[in-house]
PDB file of N, CA and C in Angstrom:
ATOM      1  N   MET A   1      -5.428 -10.360  61.360  1.00  0.00           N
ATOM      2  CA  MET A   1      -3.545 -10.144  61.738  1.00  0.00           C
ATOM      3  C   MET A   1      -3.170  -8.991  61.417  1.00  0.00           C
ATOM      4  N   PRO A   2      -2.570  -8.387  61.903  1.00  0.00           N
ATOM      5  CA  PRO A   2      -1.840  -7.200  61.410  1.00  0.00           C
ATOM      6  C   PRO A   2       0.061  -7.977  61.050  1.00  0.00           C
ATOM      7  N   MET A   3       0.328  -7.290  59.560  1.00  0.00           N
ATOM      8  CA  MET A   3       1.513  -8.106  59.379  1.00  0.00           C
ATOM      9  C   MET A   3       2.617  -7.370  59.969  1.00  0.00           C
ATOM     10  N   PRO A   4       3.614  -7.701  60.732  1.00  0.00           N
ATOM     11  CA  PRO A   4       5.110  -7.088  60.691  1.00  0.00           C
ATOM     12  C   PRO A   4       5.444  -5.815  60.611  1.00  0.00           C
ATOM     13  N   GLU A   5       6.043  -4.847  60.565  1.00  0.00           N
ATOM     14  CA  GLU A   5       6.882  -4.169  60.155  1.00  0.00           C
ATOM     15  C   GLU A   5       7.863  -4.180  60.116  1.00  0.00           C
ATOM     16  N   GLN A   6       7.630  -3.680  58.333  1.00  0.00           N
ATOM     17  CA  GLN A   6       9.439  -3.689  58.211  1.00  0.00           C
ATOM     18  C   GLN A   6      10.349  -2.597  57.973  1.00  0.00           C
ATOM     19  N   SER A   7      11.381  -2.990  58.323  1.00  0.00           N
ATOM     20  CA  SER A   7      12.019  -1.723  58.388  1.00  0.00           C
ATOM     21  C   SER A   7      13.104  -1.242  56.663  1.00  0.00           C
ATOM     22  N   ILE A   8      12.504  -0.112  56.593  1.00  0.00           N
ATOM     23  CA  ILE A   8      13.242  -0.147  55.213  1.00  0.00           C
ATOM     24  C   ILE A   8      14.632   1.057  55.370  1.00  0.00           C
ATOM     25  N   GLU A   9      15.735   0.383  54.967  1.00  0.00           N
ATOM     26  CA  GLU A   9      17.460   1.129  55.805  1.00  0.00           C
ATOM     27  C   GLU A   9      17.069   2.118  54.910  1.00  0.00           C
ATOM     28  N   PHE A  10      17.173   2.158  53.076  1.00  0.00           N
ATOM     29  CA  PHE A  10      17.331   3.163  52.509  1.00  0.00           C
ATOM     30  C   PHE A  10      15.660   3.562  52.081  1.00  0.00           C
ATOM     31  N   ARG A  11      15.568   4.948  52.611  1.00  0.00           N
ATOM     32  CA  ARG A  11      13.950   5.521  52.549  1.00  0.00           C
ATOM     33  C   ARG A  11      13.385   5.618  51.193  1.00  0.00           C
ATOM     34  N   TYR A  12      14.137   6.254  50.161  1.00  0.00           N
ATOM     35  CA  TYR A  12      13.754   7.088  49.423  1.00  0.00           C
ATOM     36  C   TYR A  12      14.098   6.404  48.320  1.00  0.00           C
ATOM     37  N   ASP A  13      13.050   6.206  47.052  1.00  0.00           N
ATOM     38  CA  ASP A  13      13.177   5.801  45.419  1.00  0.00           C
ATOM     39  C   ASP A  13      13.516   7.526  44.782  1.00  0.00           C
ATOM     40  N   THR A  14      14.794   7.242  44.400  1.00  0.00           N
ATOM     41  CA  THR A  14      15.263   8.526  43.887  1.00  0.00           C
ATOM     42  C   THR A  14      15.302   8.493  42.313  1.00  0.00           C
ATOM     43  N   GLN A  15      14.577   9.397  41.814  1.00  0.00           N
ATOM     44  CA  GLN A  15      14.679   8.742  40.247  1.00  0.00           C
ATOM     45  C   GLN A  15      14.654  10.037  39.322  1.00  0.00           C
ATOM     46  N   LEU A  16      15.575  10.139  38.438  1.00  0.00           N
ATOM     47  CA  LEU A  16      15.608  11.497  37.422  1.00  0.00           C
ATOM     48  C   LEU A  16      15.996  11.048  35.934  1.00  0.00           C
ATOM     49  N   LEU A  17      16.051  12.375  35.222  1.00  0.00           N
ATOM     50  CA  LEU A  17      17.143  11.928  33.793  1.00  0.00           C
ATOM     51  C   LEU A  17      17.925  12.977  34.117  1.00  0.00           C
ATOM     52  N   LEU A  18      19.287  12.883  33.449  1.00  0.00           N
ATOM     53  CA  LEU A  18      19.922  14.096  33.441  1.00  0.00           C
ATOM     54  C   LEU A  18      20.482  13.791  31.378  1.00  0.00           C
ATOM     55  N   ASP A  19      20.442  15.361  31.261  1.00  0.00           N
ATOM     56  CA  ASP A  19      20.919  15.826  30.110  1.00  0.00           C
ATOM     57  C   ASP A  19      22.257  16.671  29.892  1.00  0.00           C
ATOM     58  N   ARG A  20      23.278  16.232  29.149  1.00  0.00           N
ATOM     59  CA  ARG A  20      24.869  16.665  28.775  1.00  0.00           C
ATOM     60  C   ARG A  20      24.964  16.784  27.640  1.00  0.00           C
ATOM     61  N   TYR A  21      24.736  17.666  26.951  1.00  0.00           N
ATOM     62  CA  TYR A  21      25.438  18.329  25.651  1.00  0.00           C
ATOM     63  C   TYR A  21      26.753  18.070  24.930  1.00  0.00           C
ATOM     64  N   ASP A  22      27.111  17.632  24.110  1.00  0.00           N
ATOM     65  CA  ASP A  22      28.284  17.585  23.572  1.00  0.00           C
ATOM     66  C   ASP A  22      28.906  16.483  23.917  1.00  0.00           C
ATOM     67  N   VAL A  23      28.086  15.839  24.464  1.00  0.00           N
ATOM     68  CA  VAL A  23      28.583  13.844  24.829  1.00  0.00           C
ATOM     69  C   VAL A  23      28.195  13.253  23.574  1.00  0.00           C
ATOM     70  N   ASP A  24      29.453  12.350  23.376  1.00  0.00           N
ATOM     71  CA  ASP A  24      29.143  11.472  22.092  1.00  0.00           C
ATOM     72  C   ASP A  24      28.773  10.233  22.858  1.00  0.00           C
ATOM     73  N   ASP A  25      28.873   8.748  22.185  1.00  0.00           N
ATOM     74  CA  ASP A  25      28.830   7.549  22.838  1.00  0.00           C
ATOM     75  C   ASP A  25      29.406   7.464  24.084  1.00  0.00           C
ATOM     76  N   ASP A  26      31.025   7.588  23.906  1.00  0.00           N
ATOM     77  CA  ASP A  26      32.079   6.871  24.378  1.00  0.00           C
ATOM     78  C   ASP A  26      31.921   7.882  25.702  1.00  0.00           C
ATOM     79  N   GLY A  27      31.683   9.614  25.583  1.00  0.00           N
ATOM     80  CA  GLY A  27      31.695  10.547  26.633  1.00  0.00           C
ATOM     81  C   GLY A  27      30.395  10.256  27.606  1.00  0.00           C
ATOM     82  N   CYS A  28      29.473   9.307  26.941  1.00  0.00           N
ATOM     83  CA  CYS A  28      28.400   8.963  27.758  1.00  0.00           C
ATOM     84  C   CYS A  28      28.908   7.976  28.587  1.00  0.00           C
ATOM     85  N   ASP A  29      29.719   6.952  27.671  1.00  0.00           N
ATOM     86  CA  ASP A  29      29.824   5.682  28.991  1.00  0.00           C
ATOM     87  C   ASP A  29      30.624   6.331  30.042  1.00  0.00           C
ATOM     88  N   ASP A  30      31.828   7.415  30.030  1.00  0.00           N
ATOM     89  CA  ASP A  30      32.338   7.796  30.610  1.00  0.00           C
ATOM     90  C   ASP A  30      31.446   8.743  31.611  1.00  0.00           C
ATOM     91  N   LEU A  31      30.371   9.455  31.324  1.00  0.00           N
ATOM     92  CA  LEU A  31      29.700   9.877  32.583  1.00  0.00           C
ATOM     93  C   LEU A  31      28.818   8.668  33.097  1.00  0.00           C
ATOM     94  N   VAL A  32      28.494   7.992  32.395  1.00  0.00           N
ATOM     95  CA  VAL A  32      27.871   7.147  33.656  1.00  0.00           C
ATOM     96  C   VAL A  32      28.614   5.985  34.629  1.00  0.00           C
ATOM     97  N   ASP A  33      29.910   5.821  34.006  1.00  0.00           N
ATOM     98  CA  ASP A  33      31.300   5.547  35.163  1.00  0.00           C
ATOM     99  C   ASP A  33      31.065   6.266  35.984  1.00  0.00           C
ATOM    100  N   GLU A  34      31.572   7.684  35.905  1.00  0.00           N
ATOM    101  CA  GLU A  34      31.897   8.984  36.504  1.00  0.00           C
ATOM    102  C   GLU A  34      30.422   8.608  37.614  1.00  0.00           C
ATOM    103  N   MET A  35      29.623   8.851  37.380  1.00  0.00           N
ATOM    104  CA  MET A  35      28.560   8.967  38.483  1.00  0.00           C
ATOM    105  C   MET A  35      28.682   7.964  39.112  1.00  0.00           C
ATOM    106  N   ARG A  36      28.649   6.368  38.519  1.00  0.00           N
ATOM    107  CA  ARG A  36      28.344   5.265  39.361  1.00  0.00           C
ATOM    108  C   ARG A  36      29.538   5.168  40.436  1.00  0.00           C
ATOM    109  N   GLU A  37      30.888   5.287  40.084  1.00  0.00           N
ATOM    110  CA  GLU A  37      31.821   5.647  40.844  1.00  0.00           C
ATOM    111  C   GLU A  37      31.520   6.469  42.129  1.00  0.00           C
ATOM    112  N   TYR A  38      31.208   8.131  41.712  1.00  0.00           N
ATOM    113  CA  TYR A  38      31.106   9.134  42.653  1.00  0.00           C
ATOM    114  C   TYR A  38      29.800   8.699  44.058  1.00  0.00           C
ATOM    115  N   ILE A  39      28.504   7.950  43.238  1.00  0.00           N
ATOM    116  CA  ILE A  39      27.496   7.782  44.143  1.00  0.00           C
ATOM    117  C   ILE A  39      28.142   7.053  44.473  1.00  0.00           C
ATOM    118  N   VAL A  40      28.526   5.721  44.473  1.00  0.00           N
ATOM    119  CA  VAL A  40      28.912   4.596  45.302  1.00  0.00           C
ATOM    120  C   VAL A  40      29.829   4.754  46.580  1.00  0.00           C
ATOM    121  N   SER A  41      31.063   5.443  45.995  1.00  0.00           N
ATOM    122  CA  SER A  41      31.832   5.902  46.806  1.00  0.00           C
ATOM    123  C   SER A  41      31.164   7.446  48.065  1.00  0.00           C
ATOM    124  N   THR A  42      30.274   8.176  47.673  1.00  0.00           N
ATOM    125  CA  THR A  42      29.739   9.188  48.821  1.00  0.00           C
ATOM    126  C   THR A  42      28.671   9.027  49.073  1.00  0.00           C
ATOM    127  N   PHE A  43      27.507   8.355  48.805  1.00  0.00           N
ATOM    128  CA  PHE A  43      26.431   8.184  49.367  1.00  0.00           C
ATOM    129  C   PHE A  43      25.886   6.904  49.705  1.00  0.00           C
ATOM    130  N   LYS A  44      25.274   6.341  50.665  1.00  0.00           N
ATOM    131  CA  LYS A  44      24.867   5.446  51.345  1.00  0.00           C
ATOM    132  C   LYS A  44      23.007   5.068  50.647  1.00  0.00           C
ATOM    133  N   GLY A  45      23.430   3.441  50.035  1.00  0.00           N
ATOM    134  CA  GLY A  45      22.163   3.540  49.327  1.00  0.00           C
ATOM    135  C   GLY A  45      22.346   1.897  48.714  1.00  0.00           C
ATOM    136  N   ASP A  46      21.161   1.616  48.347  1.00  0.00           N
ATOM    137  CA  ASP A  46      21.110   0.196  47.518  1.00  0.00           C
ATOM    138  C   ASP A  46      20.102   0.554  46.247  1.00  0.00           C
ATOM    139  N   SER A  47      20.253  -0.743  45.127  1.00  0.00           N
ATOM    140  CA  SER A  47      19.583  -0.498  44.221  1.00  0.00           C
ATOM    141  C   SER A  47      19.620   0.599  43.024  1.00  0.00           C
ATOM    142  N   LEU A  48      21.253   0.506  42.844  1.00  0.00           N
ATOM    143  CA  LEU A  48      21.853   1.812  42.536  1.00  0.00           C
ATOM    144  C   LEU A  48      21.391   1.275  40.709  1.00  0.00           C
ATOM    145  N   VAL A  49      20.973   2.084  39.669  1.00  0.00           N
ATOM    146  CA  VAL A  49      20.510   1.811  38.350  1.00  0.00           C
ATOM    147  C   VAL A  49      20.804   3.158  38.078  1.00  0.00           C
ATOM    148  N   LEU A  50      22.290   3.055  36.292  1.00  0.00           N
ATOM    149  CA  LEU A  50      22.410   3.870  35.973  1.00  0.00           C
ATOM    150  C   LEU A  50      22.031   3.362  34.657  1.00  0.00           C
ATOM    151  N   ALA A  51      21.792   4.704  33.504  1.00  0.00           N
ATOM    152  CA  ALA A  51      21.529   3.999  32.005  1.00  0.00           C
ATOM    153  C   ALA A  51      21.730   5.107  31.489  1.00  0.00           C
ATOM    154  N   GLY A  52      22.656   5.064  30.240  1.00  0.00           N
ATOM    155  CA  GLY A  52      23.000   6.193  29.409  1.00  0.00           C
ATOM    156  C   GLY A  52      22.917   6.257  27.960  1.00  0.00           C
ATOM    157  N   ASP A  53      22.605   7.024  27.415  1.00  0.00           N
ATOM    158  CA  ASP A  53      22.483   6.609  25.607  1.00  0.00           C
ATOM    159  C   ASP A  53      22.492   8.284  24.604  1.00  0.00           C
ATOM    160  N   THR A  54      22.906   8.397  23.949  1.00  0.00           N
ATOM    161  CA  THR A  54      23.311   9.555  23.367  1.00  0.00           C
ATOM    162  C   THR A  54      22.377   9.710  21.931  1.00  0.00           C
ATOM    163  N   ASP A  55      21.975  11.122  21.764  1.00  0.00           N
ATOM    164  CA  ASP A  55      21.047  11.347  20.759  1.00  0.00           C
ATOM    165  C   ASP A  55      20.935  12.745  20.663  1.00  0.00           C
ATOM    166  N   GLU A  56      20.416  13.398  19.422  1.00  0.00           N
ATOM    167  CA  GLU A  56      20.847  14.644  18.894  1.00  0.00           C
ATOM    168  C   GLU A  56      19.262  15.225  18.858  1.00  0.00           C
ATOM    169  N   ASP A  57      19.111  16.709  19.464  1.00  0.00           N
ATOM    170  CA  ASP A  57      18.028  17.648  19.263  1.00  0.00           C
ATOM    171  C   ASP A  57      18.646  18.565  18.910  1.00  0.00           C
ATOM    172  N   ASP A  58      17.192  19.886  19.266  1.00  0.00           N
ATOM    173  CA  ASP A  58      17.253  21.078  18.592  1.00  0.00           C
ATOM    174  C   ASP A  58      18.815  21.786  19.331  1.00  0.00           C
ATOM    175  N   TYR A  59      19.356  21.418  20.035  1.00  0.00           N
ATOM    176  CA  TYR A  59      20.805  21.980  20.821  1.00  0.00           C
ATOM    177  C   TYR A  59      22.073  21.242  20.492  1.00  0.00           C
ATOM    178  N   GLY A  60      21.937  20.016  20.073  1.00  0.00           N
ATOM    179  CA  GLY A  60      22.893  19.253  19.160  1.00  0.00           C
ATOM    180  C   GLY A  60      22.964  17.805  20.233  1.00  0.00           C
ATOM    181  N   GLU A  61      23.967  17.317  20.297  1.00  0.00           N
ATOM    182  CA  GLU A  61      24.378  15.692  20.288  1.00  0.00           C
ATOM    183  C   GLU A  61      24.755  15.902  21.821  1.00  0.00           C
ATOM    184  N   LYS A  62      23.788  14.854  22.443  1.00  0.00           N
ATOM    185  CA  LYS A  62      23.755  14.802  24.030  1.00  0.00           C
ATOM    186  C   LYS A  62      23.545  13.840  24.549  1.00  0.00           C
ATOM    187  N   ALA A  63      23.955  13.296  25.682  1.00  0.00           N
ATOM    188  CA  ALA A  63      23.678  12.532  26.655  1.00  0.00           C
ATOM    189  C   ALA A  63      22.639  12.717  27.619  1.00  0.00           C
ATOM    190  N   THR A  64      22.073  11.382  27.882  1.00  0.00           N
ATOM    191  CA  THR A  64      20.675  11.369  28.367  1.00  0.00           C
ATOM    192  C   THR A  64      21.184  10.034  29.551  1.00  0.00           C
ATOM    193  N   VAL A  65      21.297  10.454  30.559  1.00  0.00           N
ATOM    194  CA  VAL A  65      21.517   9.194  31.661  1.00  0.00           C
ATOM    195  C   VAL A  65      20.079   8.972  32.354  1.00  0.00           C
ATOM    196  N   LYS A  66      20.291   7.909  32.578  1.00  0.00           N
ATOM    197  CA  LYS A  66      18.544   7.743  34.029  1.00  0.00           C
ATOM    198  C   LYS A  66      19.155   7.567  34.968  1.00  0.00           C
ATOM    199  N   LEU A  67      19.008   7.765  36.603  1.00  0.00           N
ATOM    200  CA  LEU A  67      19.198   6.934  37.283  1.00  0.00           C
ATOM    201  C   LEU A  67      18.303   7.139  38.534  1.00  0.00           C
ATOM    202  N   HIS A  68      18.208   5.703  39.207  1.00  0.00           N
ATOM    203  CA  HIS A  68      17.411   5.116  40.000  1.00  0.00           C
ATOM    204  C   HIS A  68      18.414   4.768  41.135  1.00  0.00           C
ATOM    205  N   PHE A  69      18.021   5.333  42.096  1.00  0.00           N
ATOM    206  CA  PHE A  69      18.663   4.737  43.372  1.00  0.00           C
ATOM    207  C   PHE A  69      17.566   4.767  44.897  1.00  0.00           C
ATOM    208  N   HIS A  70      17.956   4.176  45.904  1.00  0.00           N
ATOM    209  CA  HIS A  70      17.356   3.997  47.258  1.00  0.00           C
ATOM    210  C   HIS A  70      18.488   4.766  48.328  1.00  0.00           C
ATOM    211  N   THR A  71      18.242   5.527  48.507  1.00  0.00           N
ATOM    212  CA  THR A  71      19.060   6.859  49.611  1.00  0.00           C
ATOM    213  C   THR A  71      18.232   6.982  50.634  1.00  0.00           C
ATOM    214  N   ASN A  72      19.084   7.605  51.728  1.00  0.00           N
ATOM    215  CA  ASN A  72      18.369   8.827  52.585  1.00  0.00           C
ATOM    216  C   ASN A  72      18.682  10.158  52.628  1.00  0.00           C
ATOM    217  N   GLU A  73      19.822   9.970  51.621  1.00  0.00           N
ATOM    218  CA  GLU A  73      20.411  11.625  51.221  1.00  0.00           C
ATOM    219  C   GLU A  73      19.464  12.070  49.761  1.00  0.00           C
ATOM    220  N   PRO A  74      18.593  11.613  49.052  1.00  0.00           N
ATOM    221  CA  PRO A  74      18.108  12.168  47.722  1.00  0.00           C
ATOM    222  C   PRO A  74      18.204  13.562  47.629  1.00  0.00           C
ATOM    223  N   TRP A  75      18.323  14.483  48.736  1.00  0.00           N
ATOM    224  CA  TRP A  75      18.771  15.817  48.146  1.00  0.00           C
ATOM    225  C   TRP A  75      20.277  16.159  47.269  1.00  0.00           C
ATOM    226  N   ASP A  76      21.030  15.648  47.962  1.00  0.00           N
ATOM    227  CA  ASP A  76      22.424  15.838  48.218  1.00  0.00           C
ATOM    228  C   ASP A  76      22.823  14.460  46.554  1.00  0.00           C
ATOM    229  N   VAL A  77      21.954  13.685  46.729  1.00  0.00           N
ATOM    230  CA  VAL A  77      22.214  13.184  45.250  1.00  0.00           C
ATOM    231  C   VAL A  77      21.779  13.863  44.275  1.00  0.00           C
ATOM    232  N   LEU A  78      20.716  14.485  44.427  1.00  0.00           N
ATOM    233  CA  LEU A  78      20.231  15.562  43.251  1.00  0.00           C
ATOM    234  C   LEU A  78      21.177  16.647  42.605  1.00  0.00           C
ATOM    235  N   ALA A  79      21.568  17.311  43.747  1.00  0.00           N
ATOM    236  CA  ALA A  79      22.579  18.734  43.825  1.00  0.00           C
ATOM    237  C   ALA A  79      23.794  17.694  43.287  1.00  0.00           C
ATOM    238  N   TYR A  80      24.153  16.413  43.922  1.00  0.00           N
ATOM    239  CA  TYR A  80      25.512  16.329  42.565  1.00  0.00           C
ATOM    240  C   TYR A  80      25.006  16.332  41.093  1.00  0.00           C
ATOM    241  N   CYS A  81      23.963  15.309  40.769  1.00  0.00           N
ATOM    242  CA  CYS A  81      23.554  15.334  39.732  1.00  0.00           C
ATOM    243  C   CYS A  81      23.595  16.824  38.770  1.00  0.00           C
ATOM    244  N   ARG A  82      22.960  17.954  39.445  1.00  0.00           N
ATOM    245  CA  ARG A  82      22.386  18.956  39.037  1.00  0.00           C
ATOM    246  C   ARG A  82      24.214  19.551  38.438  1.00  0.00           C
ATOM    247  N   THR A  83      25.133  19.253  39.245  1.00  0.00           N
ATOM    248  CA  THR A  83      26.789  20.268  38.744  1.00  0.00           C
ATOM    249  C   THR A  83      27.140  18.996  37.243  1.00  0.00           C
ATOM    250  N   LEU A  84      26.740  17.825  37.069  1.00  0.00           N
ATOM    251  CA  LEU A  84      26.797  17.215  35.795  1.00  0.00           C
ATOM    252  C   LEU A  84      25.810  17.931  34.101  1.00  0.00           C
ATOM    253  N   GLY A  85      24.739  18.366  34.611  1.00  0.00           N
ATOM    254  CA  GLY A  85      24.129  18.778  33.410  1.00  0.00           C
ATOM    255  C   GLY A  85      22.318  18.944  33.893  1.00  0.00           C
ATOM    256  N   GLU A  86      21.708  19.101  32.853  1.00  0.00           N
ATOM    257  CA  GLU A  86      20.451  19.353  33.180  1.00  0.00           C
ATOM    258  C   GLU A  86      19.530  18.425  33.815  1.00  0.00           C
ATOM    259  N   ILE A  87      18.926  18.689  35.035  1.00  0.00           N
ATOM    260  CA  ILE A  87      18.123  16.961  35.504  1.00  0.00           C
ATOM    261  C   ILE A  87      16.484  17.658  35.310  1.00  0.00           C
ATOM    262  N   TYR A  88      16.021  16.658  35.049  1.00  0.00           N
ATOM    263  CA  TYR A  88      14.358  17.175  34.953  1.00  0.00           C
ATOM    264  C   TYR A  88      14.023  15.376  35.440  1.00  0.00           C
ATOM    265  N   ASP A  89      12.470  15.505  34.926  1.00  0.00           N
ATOM    266  CA  ASP A  89      11.862  14.265  35.334  1.00  0.00           C
ATOM    267  C   ASP A  89      11.790  13.415  36.938  1.00  0.00           C
ATOM    268  N   ILE A  90      12.492  14.404  38.002  1.00  0.00           N
ATOM    269  CA  ILE A  90      13.095  14.087  39.631  1.00  0.00           C
ATOM    270  C   ILE A  90      11.462  13.600  40.059  1.00  0.00           C
ATOM    271  N   VAL A  91      11.772  12.151  40.776  1.00  0.00           N
ATOM    272  CA  VAL A  91      11.034  11.487  41.565  1.00  0.00           C
ATOM    273  C   VAL A  91      11.603  11.122  42.414  1.00  0.00           C
ATOM    274  N   VAL A  92      11.224  11.589  43.808  1.00  0.00           N
ATOM    275  CA  VAL A  92      11.388  11.512  45.128  1.00  0.00           C
ATOM    276  C   VAL A  92      10.467  10.593  45.824  1.00  0.00           C
ATOM    277  N   GLU A  93      10.288   9.208  46.009  1.00  0.00           N
ATOM    278  CA  GLU A  93       9.519   8.764  46.718  1.00  0.00           C
ATOM    279  C   GLU A  93       9.635   8.490  48.057  1.00  0.00           C
ATOM    280  N   ASP A  94       8.815   8.413  49.135  1.00  0.00           N
ATOM    281  CA  ASP A  94       9.138   7.639  50.434  1.00  0.00           C
ATOM    282  C   ASP A  94       8.707   6.587  50.759  1.00  0.00           C
ATOM    283  N   MET A  95       9.544   5.437  50.224  1.00  0.00           N
ATOM    284  CA  MET A  95       8.928   3.975  50.845  1.00  0.00           C
ATOM    285  C   MET A  95       8.832   3.668  51.757  1.00  0.00           C
ATOM    286  N   ASP A  96       9.158   4.050  52.853  1.00  0.00           N
ATOM    287  CA  ASP A  96       8.595   3.789  54.045  1.00  0.00           C
ATOM    288  C   ASP A  96       7.354   4.125  54.328  1.00  0.00           C
ATOM    289  N   ARG A  97       6.595   5.301  53.972  1.00  0.00           N
ATOM    290  CA  ARG A  97       5.518   5.888  53.828  1.00  0.00           C
ATOM    291  C   ARG A  97       4.159   5.084  52.856  1.00  0.00           C
ATOM    292  N   GLN A  98       5.105   4.719  51.317  1.00  0.00           N
ATOM    293  CA  GLN A  98       3.759   4.110  51.115  1.00  0.00           C
ATOM    294  C   GLN A  98       3.777   2.515  51.293  1.00  0.00           C
ATOM    295  N   SER A  99       4.897   1.839  52.391  1.00  0.00           N
ATOM    296  CA  SER A  99       4.823   0.762  52.989  1.00  0.00           C
ATOM    297  C   SER A  99       3.737   0.624  53.898  1.00  0.00           C
ATOM    298  N   ARG A 100       3.706   1.708  54.991  1.00  0.00           N
ATOM    299  CA  ARG A 100       2.799   1.821  55.673  1.00  0.00           C
ATOM    300  C   ARG A 100       1.471   2.250  55.177  1.00  0.00           C
ATOM    301  N   ASP A 101       1.261   3.264  54.397  1.00  0.00           N
ATOM    302  CA  ASP A 101      -0.025   2.988  53.595  1.00  0.00           C
ATOM    303  C   ASP A 101      -0.562   1.703  52.887  1.00  0.00           C
ATOM    304  N   MET A 102       0.087   1.347  52.340  1.00  0.00           N
ATOM    305  CA  MET A 102      -0.437  -0.606  52.096  1.00  0.00           C
ATOM    306  C   MET A 102      -0.874  -0.979  52.944  1.00  0.00           C
ATOM    307  N   HIS A 103       0.004  -1.138  54.495  1.00  0.00           N
ATOM    308  CA  HIS A 103      -0.732  -1.892  55.140  1.00  0.00           C
ATOM    309  C   HIS A 103      -1.476  -1.254  56.508  1.00  0.00           C
ATOM    310  N   GLY A 104      -2.089  -0.247  55.900  1.00  0.00           N
ATOM    311  CA  GLY A 104      -2.379   0.622  56.958  1.00  0.00           C
ATOM    312  C   GLY A 104      -3.885   1.243  56.901  1.00  0.00           C
TER     313      GLY A 104
END
């Protein structure tokens, strides 16, 4: 018996890492708060997770923020995050397609 189709309201699982240099622990907390406020007020979605930490590499002290967000506007979220620092390890997965593949 086929399973009933489930509608996914926010189709794209959007994940990335963001590095921003010359940011201390307090600045990292402020960056995470700024991102959360902007994303929640600007983009429709759910399952938002933002976590930040500071570290140092060859270029100096930096904040690294991990973002996970379900949205229908992944490219706009990526464009916003790019204005804040260097983004990498970008993953945009179509959860609707994944769901169909699992059931079909």
